Amino acid sequence: MTSNPNDIKAKIAAKVKPWTGKIEIIAALLILIGVSLKYSGIEGMESLIIIAFTTLSIIYFISAFYIYEELLTSPFAMFAIKLNGLSLSVLSLGILFAIQHFHGNDMMLIVGTLNVFISLLLLLFTMNSNTKSDTLRIPTTIRTLIIGLLGVIFLLNEYDFIDLML
């Protein structure tokens, strides 16, 4: 798998990457506010949830095309990063669909959760244990675990193992 830094997707990803952490925090706050206000009976909070989850999905999709200089020597690690970004994108849309009761959420939750944990394992085994790689591995692992566990919770809710009262 070759990565071309002049590719338009890589250029967009390079511009968006520095803002990813801040956008994730803002989106998480909007999701918490939207879900809490939605279930307290305030109308119109569905739009806030949709905007926040869609923004997260777009950010994760774009981040799949970011070229990490420290991983260019390992095509397998680059594949794991791309799989992780695409899987997080699908899973965040699956969680959005589950919260909003849209059709198709079960398939997105299954595919997204499975691929998120596969990509997490690949990332943990392919990245070197040097400090340069740790700046990438630690935030990616935390992000993947949080979204992956949310996917598992919503998947268990979908198949009536738990009840989230959504």
N, C-alpha and C. Protein backbone atom coordinates (compact mmCIF):
# COMPACT_ATOMS: atom_id res chain seq x y z
N MET A 1 0.85 -1.17 0.00
CA MET A 1 0.00 0.00 0.00
C MET A 1 0.90 1.23 0.00
N THR A 2 0.79 2.02 -1.02
CA THR A 2 1.60 3.22 -1.10
C THR A 2 0.78 4.42 -0.69
N SER A 3 1.44 5.35 -0.05
CA SER A 3 0.78 6.58 0.39
C SER A 3 1.46 7.75 -0.30
N ASN A 4 0.67 8.53 -0.98
CA ASN A 4 1.19 9.68 -1.70
C ASN A 4 0.83 10.95 -0.92
N PRO A 5 1.82 11.68 -0.41
CA PRO A 5 1.52 12.89 0.34
C PRO A 5 0.87 13.98 -0.50
N ASN A 6 0.96 13.88 -1.84
CA ASN A 6 0.34 14.89 -2.70
C ASN A 6 -1.10 14.55 -3.06
N ASP A 7 -1.58 13.41 -2.59
CA ASP A 7 -2.96 13.00 -2.83
C ASP A 7 -3.90 14.00 -2.13
N ILE A 8 -5.01 14.33 -2.75
CA ILE A 8 -5.93 15.33 -2.21
C ILE A 8 -6.48 14.90 -0.85
N LYS A 9 -6.74 13.58 -0.68
CA LYS A 9 -7.24 13.11 0.61
C LYS A 9 -6.19 13.30 1.70
N ALA A 10 -4.93 13.06 1.37
CA ALA A 10 -3.85 13.24 2.34
C ALA A 10 -3.67 14.71 2.69
N LYS A 11 -3.84 15.60 1.73
CA LYS A 11 -3.72 17.03 2.00
C LYS A 11 -4.85 17.51 2.92
N ILE A 12 -6.06 17.06 2.65
CA ILE A 12 -7.19 17.43 3.52
C ILE A 12 -6.97 16.89 4.92
N ALA A 13 -6.53 15.63 5.00
CA ALA A 13 -6.29 15.02 6.31
C ALA A 13 -5.21 15.75 7.08
N ALA A 14 -4.18 16.22 6.39
CA ALA A 14 -3.10 16.95 7.05
C ALA A 14 -3.60 18.28 7.62
N LYS A 15 -4.56 18.90 6.95
CA LYS A 15 -5.12 20.16 7.45
C LYS A 15 -6.07 19.94 8.63
N VAL A 16 -6.78 18.82 8.62
CA VAL A 16 -7.78 18.54 9.66
C VAL A 16 -7.15 17.92 10.90
N LYS A 17 -6.07 17.17 10.74
CA LYS A 17 -5.48 16.40 11.84
C LYS A 17 -5.17 17.22 13.09
N PRO A 18 -4.60 18.42 12.99
CA PRO A 18 -4.31 19.17 14.24
C PRO A 18 -5.56 19.55 15.03
N TRP A 19 -6.71 19.58 14.40
CA TRP A 19 -7.96 19.97 15.05
C TRP A 19 -8.77 18.79 15.56
N THR A 20 -8.34 17.58 15.27
CA THR A 20 -9.13 16.40 15.59
C THR A 20 -9.46 16.30 17.08
N GLY A 21 -8.48 16.47 17.95
CA GLY A 21 -8.72 16.34 19.39
C GLY A 21 -9.72 17.36 19.91
N LYS A 22 -9.60 18.59 19.46
CA LYS A 22 -10.52 19.64 19.90
C LYS A 22 -11.93 19.38 19.38
N ILE A 23 -12.03 18.95 18.13
CA ILE A 23 -13.35 18.65 17.56
C ILE A 23 -14.00 17.49 18.29
N GLU A 24 -13.19 16.48 18.67
CA GLU A 24 -13.74 15.34 19.41
C GLU A 24 -14.30 15.76 20.76
N ILE A 25 -13.59 16.64 21.46
CA ILE A 25 -14.06 17.09 22.77
C ILE A 25 -15.35 17.89 22.63
N ILE A 26 -15.41 18.78 21.66
CA ILE A 26 -16.62 19.58 21.43
C ILE A 26 -17.78 18.68 21.04
N ALA A 27 -17.53 17.72 20.15
CA ALA A 27 -18.60 16.80 19.72
C ALA A 27 -19.08 15.95 20.89
N ALA A 28 -18.16 15.48 21.73
CA ALA A 28 -18.56 14.68 22.90
C ALA A 28 -19.44 15.49 23.85
N LEU A 29 -19.07 16.74 24.07
CA LEU A 29 -19.90 17.60 24.92
C LEU A 29 -21.28 17.84 24.30
N LEU A 30 -21.31 18.08 22.99
CA LEU A 30 -22.60 18.28 22.33
C LEU A 30 -23.46 17.02 22.40
N ILE A 31 -22.83 15.86 22.27
CA ILE A 31 -23.58 14.61 22.37
C ILE A 31 -24.15 14.43 23.77
N LEU A 32 -23.33 14.68 24.79
CA LEU A 32 -23.83 14.55 26.17
C LEU A 32 -24.96 15.53 26.45
N ILE A 33 -24.79 16.77 26.01
CA ILE A 33 -25.85 17.76 26.20
C ILE A 33 -27.11 17.36 25.43
N GLY A 34 -26.93 16.96 24.18
CA GLY A 34 -28.07 16.59 23.35
C GLY A 34 -28.84 15.40 23.88
N VAL A 35 -28.11 14.36 24.32
CA VAL A 35 -28.79 13.15 24.84
C VAL A 35 -29.49 13.47 26.15
N SER A 36 -28.83 14.22 27.03
CA SER A 36 -29.47 14.53 28.32
C SER A 36 -30.70 15.41 28.12
N LEU A 37 -30.63 16.38 27.22
CA LEU A 37 -31.79 17.24 26.98
C LEU A 37 -32.88 16.53 26.19
N LYS A 38 -32.48 15.60 25.33
CA LYS A 38 -33.48 14.84 24.57
C LYS A 38 -34.35 14.02 25.50
N TYR A 39 -33.73 13.39 26.50
CA TYR A 39 -34.49 12.54 27.40
C TYR A 39 -35.09 13.29 28.57
N SER A 40 -34.81 14.59 28.65
CA SER A 40 -35.51 15.39 29.65
C SER A 40 -36.75 16.05 29.04
N GLY A 41 -36.98 15.80 27.76
CA GLY A 41 -38.22 16.24 27.13
C GLY A 41 -38.11 17.49 26.29
N ILE A 42 -36.95 18.04 26.11
CA ILE A 42 -36.78 19.26 25.31
C ILE A 42 -36.74 18.87 23.84
N GLU A 43 -37.56 19.51 23.05
CA GLU A 43 -37.65 19.21 21.63
C GLU A 43 -36.46 19.77 20.85
N GLY A 44 -36.14 19.12 19.75
CA GLY A 44 -35.12 19.62 18.84
C GLY A 44 -33.70 19.20 19.14
N MET A 45 -33.50 18.39 20.16
CA MET A 45 -32.15 17.97 20.51
C MET A 45 -31.61 16.89 19.57
N GLU A 46 -32.50 16.27 18.79
CA GLU A 46 -32.05 15.27 17.83
C GLU A 46 -31.09 15.88 16.82
N SER A 47 -31.32 17.12 16.45
CA SER A 47 -30.45 17.80 15.49
C SER A 47 -29.04 17.97 16.04
N LEU A 48 -28.95 18.29 17.31
CA LEU A 48 -27.65 18.45 17.96
C LEU A 48 -26.88 17.13 17.96
N ILE A 49 -27.57 16.05 18.26
CA ILE A 49 -26.94 14.72 18.28
C ILE A 49 -26.51 14.32 16.88
N ILE A 50 -27.35 14.56 15.91
CA ILE A 50 -27.02 14.21 14.52
C ILE A 50 -25.80 14.99 14.04
N ILE A 51 -25.77 16.28 14.31
CA ILE A 51 -24.63 17.10 13.88
C ILE A 51 -23.34 16.63 14.54
N ALA A 52 -23.39 16.35 15.84
CA ALA A 52 -22.17 15.95 16.56
C ALA A 52 -21.65 14.60 16.07
N PHE A 53 -22.52 13.61 15.95
CA PHE A 53 -22.06 12.29 15.50
C PHE A 53 -21.63 12.30 14.04
N THR A 54 -22.30 13.08 13.22
CA THR A 54 -21.90 13.17 11.82
C THR A 54 -20.54 13.84 11.70
N THR A 55 -20.30 14.86 12.50
CA THR A 55 -19.00 15.52 12.51
C THR A 55 -17.91 14.54 12.94
N LEU A 56 -18.16 13.77 13.98
CA LEU A 56 -17.19 12.76 14.41
C LEU A 56 -16.91 11.75 13.30
N SER A 57 -17.95 11.31 12.65
CA SER A 57 -17.79 10.32 11.58
C SER A 57 -16.94 10.88 10.44
N ILE A 58 -17.19 12.13 10.07
CA ILE A 58 -16.42 12.75 9.00
C ILE A 58 -14.96 12.92 9.41
N ILE A 59 -14.73 13.34 10.64
CA ILE A 59 -13.35 13.52 11.13
C ILE A 59 -12.61 12.19 11.14
N TYR A 60 -13.26 11.13 11.59
CA TYR A 60 -12.61 9.81 11.62
C TYR A 60 -12.34 9.31 10.20
N PHE A 61 -13.26 9.56 9.30
CA PHE A 61 -13.06 9.14 7.90
C PHE A 61 -11.85 9.87 7.30
N ILE A 62 -11.80 11.17 7.51
CA ILE A 62 -10.68 11.95 6.97
C ILE A 62 -9.36 11.54 7.61
N SER A 63 -9.39 11.24 8.92
CA SER A 63 -8.14 10.87 9.61
C SER A 63 -7.58 9.54 9.10
N ALA A 64 -8.39 8.74 8.46
CA ALA A 64 -7.89 7.48 7.90
C ALA A 64 -6.89 7.73 6.78
N PHE A 65 -6.92 8.90 6.18
CA PHE A 65 -6.05 9.19 5.05
C PHE A 65 -4.84 10.05 5.43
N TYR A 66 -4.68 10.33 6.72
CA TYR A 66 -3.52 11.09 7.16
C TYR A 66 -2.27 10.21 7.05
N ILE A 67 -1.18 10.78 6.59
CA ILE A 67 0.06 10.02 6.41
C ILE A 67 0.97 10.30 7.60
N TYR A 68 1.19 9.27 8.39
CA TYR A 68 2.08 9.37 9.55
C TYR A 68 3.49 9.04 9.09
N GLU A 69 4.39 10.01 9.23
CA GLU A 69 5.76 9.84 8.76
C GLU A 69 6.45 8.66 9.44
N GLU A 70 6.17 8.46 10.75
CA GLU A 70 6.84 7.40 11.47
C GLU A 70 6.35 6.00 11.09
N LEU A 71 5.24 5.94 10.36
CA LEU A 71 4.70 4.64 9.96
C LEU A 71 4.92 4.32 8.49
N LEU A 72 5.59 5.20 7.76
CA LEU A 72 5.77 4.97 6.33
C LEU A 72 6.60 3.73 6.03
N THR A 73 7.43 3.30 6.97
CA THR A 73 8.24 2.11 6.74
C THR A 73 7.44 0.83 6.90
N SER A 74 6.30 0.90 7.53
CA SER A 74 5.48 -0.29 7.77
C SER A 74 4.13 -0.17 7.07
N PRO A 75 3.98 -0.81 5.92
CA PRO A 75 2.69 -0.73 5.24
C PRO A 75 1.57 -1.39 6.04
N PHE A 76 1.92 -2.37 6.87
CA PHE A 76 0.91 -3.04 7.69
C PHE A 76 0.36 -2.08 8.74
N ALA A 77 1.23 -1.24 9.31
CA ALA A 77 0.79 -0.24 10.29
C ALA A 77 -0.07 0.83 9.61
N MET A 78 0.30 1.22 8.40
CA MET A 78 -0.52 2.19 7.66
C MET A 78 -1.91 1.61 7.37
N PHE A 79 -1.95 0.32 7.04
CA PHE A 79 -3.24 -0.34 6.82
C PHE A 79 -4.06 -0.33 8.10
N ALA A 80 -3.42 -0.59 9.24
CA ALA A 80 -4.13 -0.61 10.52
C ALA A 80 -4.70 0.78 10.85
N ILE A 81 -3.95 1.84 10.57
CA ILE A 81 -4.43 3.20 10.80
C ILE A 81 -5.64 3.50 9.91
N LYS A 82 -5.55 3.11 8.64
CA LYS A 82 -6.66 3.35 7.71
C LYS A 82 -7.91 2.56 8.14
N LEU A 83 -7.71 1.30 8.52
CA LEU A 83 -8.83 0.48 9.00
C LEU A 83 -9.43 1.09 10.25
N ASN A 84 -8.60 1.60 11.14
CA ASN A 84 -9.09 2.20 12.37
C ASN A 84 -9.95 3.43 12.08
N GLY A 85 -9.48 4.32 11.22
CA GLY A 85 -10.25 5.51 10.91
C GLY A 85 -11.58 5.21 10.24
N LEU A 86 -11.56 4.29 9.29
CA LEU A 86 -12.80 3.93 8.60
C LEU A 86 -13.76 3.21 9.53
N SER A 87 -13.23 2.35 10.40
CA SER A 87 -14.08 1.62 11.34
C SER A 87 -14.71 2.54 12.37
N LEU A 88 -13.92 3.50 12.87
CA LEU A 88 -14.48 4.47 13.81
C LEU A 88 -15.58 5.31 13.16
N SER A 89 -15.40 5.61 11.89
CA SER A 89 -16.41 6.37 11.15
C SER A 89 -17.71 5.58 11.04
N VAL A 90 -17.61 4.32 10.66
CA VAL A 90 -18.81 3.48 10.54
C VAL A 90 -19.47 3.28 11.90
N LEU A 91 -18.66 3.03 12.92
CA LEU A 91 -19.22 2.78 14.25
C LEU A 91 -19.89 4.02 14.83
N SER A 92 -19.33 5.20 14.61
CA SER A 92 -19.98 6.40 15.13
C SER A 92 -21.31 6.65 14.43
N LEU A 93 -21.39 6.34 13.15
CA LEU A 93 -22.69 6.43 12.46
C LEU A 93 -23.66 5.37 12.97
N GLY A 94 -23.16 4.18 13.28
CA GLY A 94 -24.02 3.13 13.84
C GLY A 94 -24.58 3.54 15.19
N ILE A 95 -23.76 4.18 16.02
CA ILE A 95 -24.24 4.65 17.32
C ILE A 95 -25.28 5.76 17.13
N LEU A 96 -25.03 6.66 16.17
CA LEU A 96 -26.01 7.69 15.85
C LEU A 96 -27.33 7.07 15.42
N PHE A 97 -27.25 6.08 14.53
CA PHE A 97 -28.47 5.42 14.06
C PHE A 97 -29.19 4.71 15.20
N ALA A 98 -28.45 4.14 16.15
CA ALA A 98 -29.07 3.47 17.29
C ALA A 98 -29.78 4.47 18.20
N ILE A 99 -29.15 5.61 18.45
CA ILE A 99 -29.77 6.62 19.31
C ILE A 99 -31.02 7.18 18.66
N GLN A 100 -30.97 7.37 17.35
CA GLN A 100 -32.09 7.98 16.63
C GLN A 100 -33.12 6.95 16.15
N HIS A 101 -32.86 5.66 16.39
CA HIS A 101 -33.75 4.58 15.97
C HIS A 101 -33.93 4.51 14.45
N PHE A 102 -32.84 4.76 13.72
CA PHE A 102 -32.87 4.63 12.27
C PHE A 102 -32.62 3.17 11.90
N HIS A 103 -33.13 2.78 10.72
CA HIS A 103 -32.90 1.41 10.25
C HIS A 103 -31.45 1.25 9.80
N GLY A 104 -30.92 0.05 9.98
CA GLY A 104 -29.57 -0.26 9.56
C GLY A 104 -28.53 -0.10 10.64
N ASN A 105 -28.96 0.30 11.84
CA ASN A 105 -27.98 0.50 12.90
C ASN A 105 -27.33 -0.79 13.36
N ASP A 106 -28.06 -1.90 13.33
CA ASP A 106 -27.49 -3.16 13.81
C ASP A 106 -26.31 -3.61 12.94
N MET A 107 -26.42 -3.48 11.63
CA MET A 107 -25.33 -3.90 10.76
C MET A 107 -24.12 -2.99 10.91
N MET A 108 -24.36 -1.68 11.03
CA MET A 108 -23.24 -0.76 11.22
C MET A 108 -22.57 -0.99 12.57
N LEU A 109 -23.35 -1.30 13.59
CA LEU A 109 -22.76 -1.57 14.90
C LEU A 109 -21.92 -2.85 14.87
N ILE A 110 -22.41 -3.89 14.21
CA ILE A 110 -21.67 -5.15 14.14
C ILE A 110 -20.38 -4.97 13.36
N VAL A 111 -20.48 -4.42 12.16
CA VAL A 111 -19.30 -4.25 11.31
C VAL A 111 -18.31 -3.28 11.94
N GLY A 112 -18.82 -2.16 12.46
CA GLY A 112 -17.95 -1.16 13.05
C GLY A 112 -17.24 -1.66 14.30
N THR A 113 -17.98 -2.32 15.20
CA THR A 113 -17.37 -2.82 16.43
C THR A 113 -16.33 -3.89 16.14
N LEU A 114 -16.66 -4.81 15.28
CA LEU A 114 -15.72 -5.87 14.93
C LEU A 114 -14.44 -5.30 14.32
N ASN A 115 -14.60 -4.39 13.38
CA ASN A 115 -13.42 -3.81 12.72
C ASN A 115 -12.64 -2.88 13.64
N VAL A 116 -13.30 -2.20 14.55
CA VAL A 116 -12.59 -1.34 15.50
C VAL A 116 -11.67 -2.17 16.37
N PHE A 117 -12.15 -3.29 16.88
CA PHE A 117 -11.30 -4.10 17.75
C PHE A 117 -10.23 -4.85 16.96
N ILE A 118 -10.51 -5.22 15.72
CA ILE A 118 -9.46 -5.81 14.87
C ILE A 118 -8.37 -4.76 14.60
N SER A 119 -8.79 -3.54 14.28
CA SER A 119 -7.80 -2.50 14.02
C SER A 119 -7.02 -2.15 15.28
N LEU A 120 -7.67 -2.21 16.44
CA LEU A 120 -6.96 -1.94 17.69
C LEU A 120 -5.87 -2.99 17.92
N LEU A 121 -6.20 -4.24 17.70
CA LEU A 121 -5.19 -5.30 17.85
C LEU A 121 -4.05 -5.12 16.85
N LEU A 122 -4.40 -4.80 15.61
CA LEU A 122 -3.36 -4.58 14.61
C LEU A 122 -2.46 -3.40 14.98
N LEU A 123 -3.07 -2.34 15.48
CA LEU A 123 -2.29 -1.16 15.87
C LEU A 123 -1.34 -1.49 17.02
N LEU A 124 -1.83 -2.22 17.99
CA LEU A 124 -0.99 -2.54 19.14
C LEU A 124 0.17 -3.45 18.77
N PHE A 125 -0.03 -4.33 17.79
CA PHE A 125 1.03 -5.25 17.41
C PHE A 125 1.97 -4.70 16.35
N THR A 126 1.55 -3.70 15.60
CA THR A 126 2.40 -3.23 14.51
C THR A 126 3.23 -2.01 14.86
N MET A 127 2.77 -1.22 15.80
CA MET A 127 3.53 -0.01 16.12
C MET A 127 4.72 -0.35 16.99
N ASN A 128 5.83 0.29 16.71
CA ASN A 128 7.03 0.11 17.52
C ASN A 128 6.81 0.74 18.89
N SER A 129 7.57 0.28 19.84
CA SER A 129 7.42 0.82 21.19
C SER A 129 8.44 1.92 21.46
N ASN A 130 8.59 2.83 20.50
CA ASN A 130 9.46 3.98 20.75
C ASN A 130 8.61 5.20 21.09
N THR A 131 9.23 6.22 21.57
CA THR A 131 8.48 7.39 22.04
C THR A 131 7.79 8.13 20.90
N LYS A 132 8.38 8.10 19.71
CA LYS A 132 7.77 8.78 18.58
C LYS A 132 6.44 8.12 18.22
N SER A 133 6.41 6.80 18.31
CA SER A 133 5.20 6.06 18.00
C SER A 133 4.17 6.16 19.13
N ASP A 134 4.63 6.38 20.37
CA ASP A 134 3.72 6.48 21.50
C ASP A 134 2.82 7.70 21.40
N THR A 135 3.31 8.78 20.80
CA THR A 135 2.46 9.96 20.65
C THR A 135 1.29 9.69 19.73
N LEU A 136 1.41 8.69 18.90
CA LEU A 136 0.31 8.28 18.03
C LEU A 136 -0.50 7.16 18.67
N ARG A 137 0.19 6.20 19.30
CA ARG A 137 -0.48 5.02 19.81
C ARG A 137 -1.41 5.31 20.97
N ILE A 138 -0.99 6.13 21.92
CA ILE A 138 -1.79 6.34 23.12
C ILE A 138 -3.12 7.03 22.82
N PRO A 139 -3.16 8.17 22.11
CA PRO A 139 -4.46 8.77 21.81
C PRO A 139 -5.33 7.89 20.91
N THR A 140 -4.70 7.20 19.97
CA THR A 140 -5.47 6.33 19.08
C THR A 140 -6.07 5.17 19.86
N THR A 141 -5.32 4.61 20.79
CA THR A 141 -5.83 3.51 21.59
C THR A 141 -6.98 3.96 22.49
N ILE A 142 -6.83 5.11 23.12
CA ILE A 142 -7.89 5.61 24.00
C ILE A 142 -9.15 5.90 23.20
N ARG A 143 -8.99 6.58 22.06
CA ARG A 143 -10.13 6.90 21.19
C ARG A 143 -10.82 5.62 20.72
N THR A 144 -10.03 4.64 20.30
CA THR A 144 -10.59 3.39 19.79
C THR A 144 -11.31 2.61 20.88
N LEU A 145 -10.74 2.58 22.08
CA LEU A 145 -11.39 1.87 23.18
C LEU A 145 -12.71 2.53 23.58
N ILE A 146 -12.74 3.85 23.66
CA ILE A 146 -13.97 4.53 24.06
C ILE A 146 -15.07 4.30 23.04
N ILE A 147 -14.79 4.55 21.78
CA ILE A 147 -15.81 4.37 20.74
C ILE A 147 -16.17 2.88 20.61
N GLY A 148 -15.18 2.00 20.72
CA GLY A 148 -15.44 0.57 20.63
C GLY A 148 -16.33 0.07 21.75
N LEU A 149 -16.08 0.54 22.97
CA LEU A 149 -16.92 0.13 24.09
C LEU A 149 -18.33 0.70 23.97
N LEU A 150 -18.45 1.92 23.45
CA LEU A 150 -19.79 2.44 23.17
C LEU A 150 -20.51 1.57 22.14
N GLY A 151 -19.76 1.12 21.13
CA GLY A 151 -20.34 0.23 20.13
C GLY A 151 -20.82 -1.07 20.74
N VAL A 152 -20.03 -1.64 21.65
CA VAL A 152 -20.44 -2.88 22.32
C VAL A 152 -21.69 -2.64 23.15
N ILE A 153 -21.75 -1.53 23.88
CA ILE A 153 -22.93 -1.23 24.70
C ILE A 153 -24.18 -1.10 23.84
N PHE A 154 -24.07 -0.36 22.74
CA PHE A 154 -25.24 -0.18 21.88
C PHE A 154 -25.59 -1.47 21.14
N LEU A 155 -24.60 -2.30 20.85
CA LEU A 155 -24.86 -3.59 20.22
C LEU A 155 -25.59 -4.51 21.19
N LEU A 156 -25.16 -4.53 22.45
CA LEU A 156 -25.86 -5.33 23.46
C LEU A 156 -27.27 -4.82 23.67
N ASN A 157 -27.46 -3.52 23.61
CA ASN A 157 -28.80 -2.94 23.73
C ASN A 157 -29.67 -3.34 22.54
N GLU A 158 -29.08 -3.38 21.36
CA GLU A 158 -29.82 -3.73 20.15
C GLU A 158 -30.38 -5.16 20.22
N TYR A 159 -29.62 -6.05 20.83
CA TYR A 159 -30.04 -7.46 20.91
C TYR A 159 -30.56 -7.81 22.29
N ASP A 160 -31.03 -6.82 23.04
CA ASP A 160 -31.75 -6.97 24.30
C ASP A 160 -30.98 -7.67 25.40
N PHE A 161 -29.65 -7.56 25.41
CA PHE A 161 -28.88 -8.06 26.53
C PHE A 161 -28.89 -7.05 27.67
N ILE A 162 -28.96 -5.78 27.32
CA ILE A 162 -29.11 -4.71 28.28
C ILE A 162 -30.17 -3.76 27.76
N ASP A 163 -30.69 -2.91 28.63
CA ASP A 163 -31.70 -1.95 28.19
C ASP A 163 -31.26 -0.55 28.55
N LEU A 164 -30.96 0.26 27.54
CA LEU A 164 -30.54 1.64 27.76
C LEU A 164 -31.72 2.60 27.81
N MET A 165 -32.92 2.09 27.59
CA MET A 165 -34.15 2.89 27.58
C MET A 165 -34.08 4.01 26.54
N LEU A 166 -33.58 3.68 25.37
CA LEU A 166 -33.49 4.70 24.31
C LEU A 166 -34.78 4.79 23.58
